[in-house]
Amino acid sequence: PPEHRKLYHMFSRLKKAVMCGQEILALSQHELCTARTKLEAQAYSKWLSGQLFMEKMNWDEAREHFKSVKTIYEKLAGAAANLEGRGDIYSQKVDEIVPMIRYCDYKLGDRGA
């Protein structure tokens, strides 16, 4: 069926994106990278993994990854608040992650969240 093929292709591309995110994370651990770069790479890698788990309907793993991303972006927003306009970018990222966490909570049956 064509639907199955599309789904397989999507998962294949998403898995490849997760691997690239992990490579970026590994490269960011170099001593020349700033702490902010390392945190951004970590958030990106976890966000990609969260997307994969969400597509696989592994809601608990997806939620944990998205919560980690939210925490990282909140820290970056606080640290970057003194810089010109940088804090807003990270705050926007937090706002984008919150609905994903809520959706995972809903799928897990945690309606109190």
N, C-alpha and C. Protein backbone atom coordinates (compact mmCIF):
# COMPACT_ATOMS: atom_id res chain seq x y z
N PRO A 1 0.83 -1.21 0.00
CA PRO A 1 0.00 0.00 0.00
C PRO A 1 0.87 1.27 0.00
N PRO A 2 0.46 2.29 -0.72
CA PRO A 2 1.24 3.53 -0.79
C PRO A 2 1.37 4.23 0.56
N GLU A 3 0.34 4.14 1.40
CA GLU A 3 0.41 4.76 2.73
C GLU A 3 1.55 4.18 3.55
N HIS A 4 1.69 2.87 3.51
CA HIS A 4 2.74 2.20 4.27
C HIS A 4 4.12 2.67 3.80
N ARG A 5 4.27 2.82 2.51
CA ARG A 5 5.55 3.25 1.94
C ARG A 5 5.89 4.67 2.38
N LYS A 6 4.89 5.55 2.40
CA LYS A 6 5.10 6.93 2.84
C LYS A 6 5.51 6.97 4.31
N LEU A 7 4.85 6.16 5.11
CA LEU A 7 5.16 6.10 6.53
C LEU A 7 6.57 5.59 6.76
N TYR A 8 6.93 4.54 6.04
CA TYR A 8 8.29 4.00 6.15
C TYR A 8 9.31 5.06 5.76
N HIS A 9 9.05 5.78 4.69
CA HIS A 9 9.97 6.82 4.23
C HIS A 9 10.10 7.93 5.28
N MET A 10 8.97 8.33 5.87
CA MET A 10 9.00 9.38 6.89
C MET A 10 9.84 8.94 8.10
N PHE A 11 9.63 7.72 8.57
CA PHE A 11 10.40 7.23 9.70
C PHE A 11 11.89 7.14 9.36
N SER A 12 12.18 6.72 8.15
CA SER A 12 13.57 6.62 7.72
C SER A 12 14.24 7.99 7.74
N ARG A 13 13.57 9.00 7.22
CA ARG A 13 14.12 10.35 7.20
C ARG A 13 14.24 10.91 8.61
N LEU A 14 13.28 10.63 9.45
CA LEU A 14 13.32 11.14 10.83
C LEU A 14 14.44 10.47 11.62
N LYS A 15 14.64 9.18 11.42
CA LYS A 15 15.76 8.50 12.07
C LYS A 15 17.10 9.07 11.63
N LYS A 16 17.20 9.38 10.34
CA LYS A 16 18.42 9.97 9.82
C LYS A 16 18.65 11.35 10.44
N ALA A 17 17.58 12.12 10.61
CA ALA A 17 17.68 13.44 11.24
C ALA A 17 18.14 13.32 12.69
N VAL A 18 17.63 12.32 13.39
CA VAL A 18 18.05 12.09 14.78
C VAL A 18 19.54 11.77 14.84
N MET A 19 20.00 10.94 13.92
CA MET A 19 21.44 10.61 13.89
C MET A 19 22.28 11.85 13.60
N CYS A 20 21.82 12.69 12.69
CA CYS A 20 22.54 13.94 12.40
C CYS A 20 22.55 14.86 13.62
N GLY A 21 21.44 14.90 14.34
CA GLY A 21 21.37 15.69 15.57
C GLY A 21 22.36 15.20 16.61
N GLN A 22 22.52 13.88 16.70
CA GLN A 22 23.47 13.32 17.64
C GLN A 22 24.91 13.63 17.22
N GLU A 23 25.15 13.67 15.92
CA GLU A 23 26.48 14.04 15.43
C GLU A 23 26.78 15.51 15.75
N ILE A 24 25.78 16.36 15.57
CA ILE A 24 25.95 17.78 15.91
C ILE A 24 26.25 17.92 17.40
N LEU A 25 25.53 17.17 18.21
CA LEU A 25 25.77 17.20 19.66
C LEU A 25 27.20 16.77 19.98
N ALA A 26 27.66 15.72 19.34
CA ALA A 26 29.03 15.24 19.58
C ALA A 26 30.06 16.29 19.14
N LEU A 27 29.83 16.91 18.01
CA LEU A 27 30.75 17.95 17.52
C LEU A 27 30.76 19.17 18.44
N SER A 28 29.62 19.45 19.05
CA SER A 28 29.52 20.64 19.91
C SER A 28 30.29 20.47 21.21
N GLN A 29 30.72 19.27 21.52
CA GLN A 29 31.44 19.05 22.76
C GLN A 29 32.91 19.46 22.66
N HIS A 30 33.32 19.92 21.50
CA HIS A 30 34.69 20.39 21.29
C HIS A 30 34.95 21.59 22.18
N GLU A 31 36.18 21.73 22.63
CA GLU A 31 36.54 22.80 23.56
C GLU A 31 36.36 24.20 22.98
N LEU A 32 36.34 24.33 21.66
CA LEU A 32 36.16 25.64 21.05
C LEU A 32 34.70 26.12 21.06
N CYS A 33 33.78 25.21 21.32
CA CYS A 33 32.37 25.58 21.35
C CYS A 33 32.01 26.20 22.70
N THR A 34 31.15 27.20 22.63
CA THR A 34 30.71 27.87 23.86
C THR A 34 29.69 27.00 24.58
N ALA A 35 29.44 27.35 25.83
CA ALA A 35 28.45 26.63 26.63
C ALA A 35 27.07 26.77 25.98
N ARG A 36 26.78 27.95 25.44
CA ARG A 36 25.48 28.16 24.79
C ARG A 36 25.34 27.26 23.57
N THR A 37 26.40 27.12 22.79
CA THR A 37 26.36 26.25 21.61
C THR A 37 26.11 24.81 22.03
N LYS A 38 26.77 24.39 23.09
CA LYS A 38 26.58 23.02 23.58
C LYS A 38 25.14 22.78 24.02
N LEU A 39 24.56 23.77 24.72
CA LEU A 39 23.18 23.62 25.17
C LEU A 39 22.21 23.63 24.00
N GLU A 40 22.46 24.49 23.02
CA GLU A 40 21.59 24.54 21.84
C GLU A 40 21.65 23.22 21.07
N ALA A 41 22.82 22.65 20.93
CA ALA A 41 22.97 21.36 20.25
C ALA A 41 22.26 20.25 21.02
N GLN A 42 22.37 20.29 22.33
CA GLN A 42 21.70 19.29 23.16
C GLN A 42 20.18 19.41 23.01
N ALA A 43 19.67 20.64 23.04
CA ALA A 43 18.23 20.85 22.89
C ALA A 43 17.75 20.38 21.52
N TYR A 44 18.52 20.68 20.48
CA TYR A 44 18.13 20.28 19.13
C TYR A 44 18.11 18.76 19.00
N SER A 45 19.13 18.11 19.52
CA SER A 45 19.19 16.65 19.45
C SER A 45 18.02 16.02 20.20
N LYS A 46 17.73 16.53 21.38
CA LYS A 46 16.62 15.99 22.17
C LYS A 46 15.27 16.27 21.50
N TRP A 47 15.15 17.45 20.86
CA TRP A 47 13.91 17.78 20.17
C TRP A 47 13.66 16.81 19.01
N LEU A 48 14.71 16.52 18.24
CA LEU A 48 14.58 15.57 17.13
C LEU A 48 14.19 14.19 17.66
N SER A 49 14.83 13.76 18.74
CA SER A 49 14.50 12.45 19.32
C SER A 49 13.06 12.44 19.82
N GLY A 50 12.64 13.54 20.43
CA GLY A 50 11.26 13.65 20.90
C GLY A 50 10.27 13.54 19.76
N GLN A 51 10.60 14.17 18.63
CA GLN A 51 9.74 14.07 17.45
C GLN A 51 9.62 12.63 16.97
N LEU A 52 10.74 11.91 16.96
CA LEU A 52 10.72 10.51 16.53
C LEU A 52 9.87 9.68 17.48
N PHE A 53 10.07 9.85 18.78
CA PHE A 53 9.27 9.09 19.75
C PHE A 53 7.79 9.44 19.63
N MET A 54 7.50 10.69 19.35
CA MET A 54 6.11 11.11 19.21
C MET A 54 5.47 10.43 17.99
N GLU A 55 6.19 10.37 16.89
CA GLU A 55 5.67 9.70 15.70
C GLU A 55 5.51 8.21 15.91
N LYS A 56 6.36 7.64 16.76
CA LYS A 56 6.25 6.21 17.08
C LYS A 56 5.20 5.94 18.15
N MET A 57 4.59 7.03 18.63
CA MET A 57 3.57 6.97 19.68
C MET A 57 4.13 6.44 20.99
N ASN A 58 5.38 6.70 21.22
CA ASN A 58 6.03 6.38 22.50
C ASN A 58 5.95 7.68 23.32
N TRP A 59 4.78 7.91 23.91
CA TRP A 59 4.45 9.19 24.52
C TRP A 59 5.32 9.52 25.72
N ASP A 60 5.66 8.52 26.52
CA ASP A 60 6.46 8.78 27.72
C ASP A 60 7.87 9.26 27.36
N GLU A 61 8.51 8.57 26.42
CA GLU A 61 9.85 8.98 25.98
C GLU A 61 9.81 10.35 25.32
N ALA A 62 8.79 10.58 24.49
CA ALA A 62 8.67 11.87 23.82
C ALA A 62 8.52 12.99 24.85
N ARG A 63 7.67 12.76 25.84
CA ARG A 63 7.44 13.78 26.88
C ARG A 63 8.73 14.09 27.63
N GLU A 64 9.49 13.07 27.98
CA GLU A 64 10.74 13.29 28.72
C GLU A 64 11.74 14.10 27.88
N HIS A 65 11.82 13.79 26.60
CA HIS A 65 12.73 14.54 25.73
C HIS A 65 12.27 16.00 25.61
N PHE A 66 10.98 16.20 25.42
CA PHE A 66 10.46 17.56 25.29
C PHE A 66 10.61 18.36 26.59
N LYS A 67 10.46 17.68 27.72
CA LYS A 67 10.67 18.38 29.00
C LYS A 67 12.12 18.82 29.14
N SER A 68 13.04 17.98 28.71
CA SER A 68 14.46 18.35 28.74
C SER A 68 14.72 19.56 27.84
N VAL A 69 14.12 19.54 26.66
CA VAL A 69 14.27 20.66 25.73
C VAL A 69 13.73 21.94 26.35
N LYS A 70 12.58 21.85 26.98
CA LYS A 70 11.96 23.02 27.62
C LYS A 70 12.87 23.58 28.71
N THR A 71 13.43 22.71 29.52
CA THR A 71 14.33 23.14 30.59
C THR A 71 15.57 23.84 30.02
N ILE A 72 16.14 23.28 28.98
CA ILE A 72 17.32 23.88 28.37
C ILE A 72 17.00 25.26 27.81
N TYR A 73 15.88 25.37 27.09
CA TYR A 73 15.52 26.66 26.51
C TYR A 73 15.16 27.69 27.58
N GLU A 74 14.57 27.24 28.68
CA GLU A 74 14.29 28.17 29.78
C GLU A 74 15.58 28.71 30.37
N LYS A 75 16.57 27.84 30.54
CA LYS A 75 17.88 28.30 31.05
C LYS A 75 18.53 29.26 30.07
N LEU A 76 18.47 28.94 28.79
CA LEU A 76 19.06 29.81 27.78
C LEU A 76 18.33 31.16 27.73
N ALA A 77 17.01 31.13 27.89
CA ALA A 77 16.23 32.38 27.87
C ALA A 77 16.62 33.27 29.05
N GLY A 78 16.81 32.65 30.21
CA GLY A 78 17.21 33.41 31.39
C GLY A 78 18.60 34.00 31.24
N ALA A 79 19.50 33.21 30.69
CA ALA A 79 20.88 33.68 30.53
C ALA A 79 21.00 34.73 29.43
N ALA A 80 20.15 34.61 28.42
CA ALA A 80 20.25 35.52 27.27
C ALA A 80 19.36 36.75 27.41
N ALA A 81 18.64 36.86 28.52
CA ALA A 81 17.73 37.99 28.69
C ALA A 81 18.47 39.32 28.64
N ASN A 82 19.72 39.32 29.04
CA ASN A 82 20.50 40.56 29.04
C ASN A 82 21.01 40.95 27.65
N LEU A 83 21.02 39.98 26.74
CA LEU A 83 21.48 40.26 25.38
C LEU A 83 20.33 40.85 24.56
N GLU A 84 20.66 41.54 23.51
CA GLU A 84 19.65 42.21 22.72
C GLU A 84 18.77 41.23 21.94
N GLY A 85 17.55 41.02 22.43
CA GLY A 85 16.57 40.20 21.72
C GLY A 85 16.77 38.70 21.77
N ARG A 86 17.83 38.22 22.33
CA ARG A 86 18.10 36.78 22.32
C ARG A 86 17.14 36.00 23.22
N GLY A 87 16.78 36.58 24.35
CA GLY A 87 15.89 35.88 25.27
C GLY A 87 14.55 35.56 24.65
N ASP A 88 14.08 36.42 23.76
CA ASP A 88 12.79 36.21 23.11
C ASP A 88 12.79 34.97 22.23
N ILE A 89 13.91 34.71 21.59
CA ILE A 89 14.01 33.54 20.71
C ILE A 89 13.82 32.26 21.53
N TYR A 90 14.51 32.19 22.65
CA TYR A 90 14.41 31.00 23.48
C TYR A 90 13.04 30.89 24.15
N SER A 91 12.46 32.01 24.54
CA SER A 91 11.11 31.99 25.12
C SER A 91 10.10 31.49 24.10
N GLN A 92 10.29 31.88 22.85
CA GLN A 92 9.41 31.41 21.78
C GLN A 92 9.54 29.89 21.61
N LYS A 93 10.76 29.39 21.71
CA LYS A 93 10.98 27.94 21.62
C LYS A 93 10.27 27.21 22.75
N VAL A 94 10.32 27.79 23.96
CA VAL A 94 9.61 27.20 25.10
C VAL A 94 8.13 27.13 24.79
N ASP A 95 7.58 28.23 24.25
CA ASP A 95 6.16 28.28 23.91
C ASP A 95 5.78 27.23 22.86
N GLU A 96 6.71 26.90 21.98
CA GLU A 96 6.45 25.89 20.96
C GLU A 96 6.49 24.47 21.53
N ILE A 97 7.27 24.26 22.58
CA ILE A 97 7.44 22.93 23.17
C ILE A 97 6.27 22.57 24.10
N VAL A 98 5.73 23.54 24.80
CA VAL A 98 4.69 23.28 25.80
C VAL A 98 3.50 22.50 25.23
N PRO A 99 2.96 22.86 24.05
CA PRO A 99 1.84 22.06 23.52
C PRO A 99 2.21 20.61 23.23
N MET A 100 3.46 20.37 22.86
CA MET A 100 3.90 18.99 22.61
C MET A 100 3.90 18.18 23.89
N ILE A 101 4.34 18.81 24.97
CA ILE A 101 4.35 18.14 26.28
C ILE A 101 2.91 17.85 26.71
N ARG A 102 2.03 18.84 26.52
CA ARG A 102 0.61 18.65 26.88
C ARG A 102 -0.02 17.53 26.07
N TYR A 103 0.30 17.46 24.80
CA TYR A 103 -0.26 16.41 23.96
C TYR A 103 0.21 15.03 24.43
N CYS A 104 1.48 14.93 24.77
CA CYS A 104 1.99 13.65 25.30
C CYS A 104 1.30 13.30 26.61
N ASP A 105 1.12 14.30 27.49
CA ASP A 105 0.40 14.07 28.74
C ASP A 105 -1.02 13.58 28.47
N TYR A 106 -1.67 14.20 27.51
CA TYR A 106 -3.04 13.81 27.15
C TYR A 106 -3.06 12.36 26.66
N LYS A 107 -2.13 12.01 25.80
CA LYS A 107 -2.08 10.65 25.28
C LYS A 107 -1.76 9.63 26.35
N LEU A 108 -1.04 10.06 27.38
CA LEU A 108 -0.72 9.15 28.48
C LEU A 108 -1.86 9.08 29.49
N GLY A 109 -2.86 9.92 29.31
CA GLY A 109 -4.00 9.90 30.21
C GLY A 109 -3.83 10.79 31.41
N ASP A 110 -2.80 11.65 31.40
CA ASP A 110 -2.55 12.55 32.51
C ASP A 110 -3.30 13.86 32.23
N ARG A 111 -4.59 13.86 32.49
CA ARG A 111 -5.43 15.00 32.15
C ARG A 111 -5.26 16.17 33.10
N GLY A 112 -4.60 15.96 34.21
CA GLY A 112 -4.40 17.04 35.18
C GLY A 112 -3.30 18.01 34.78
N ALA A 113 -2.57 17.70 33.70
CA ALA A 113 -1.45 18.57 33.30
C ALA A 113 -1.89 19.72 32.44
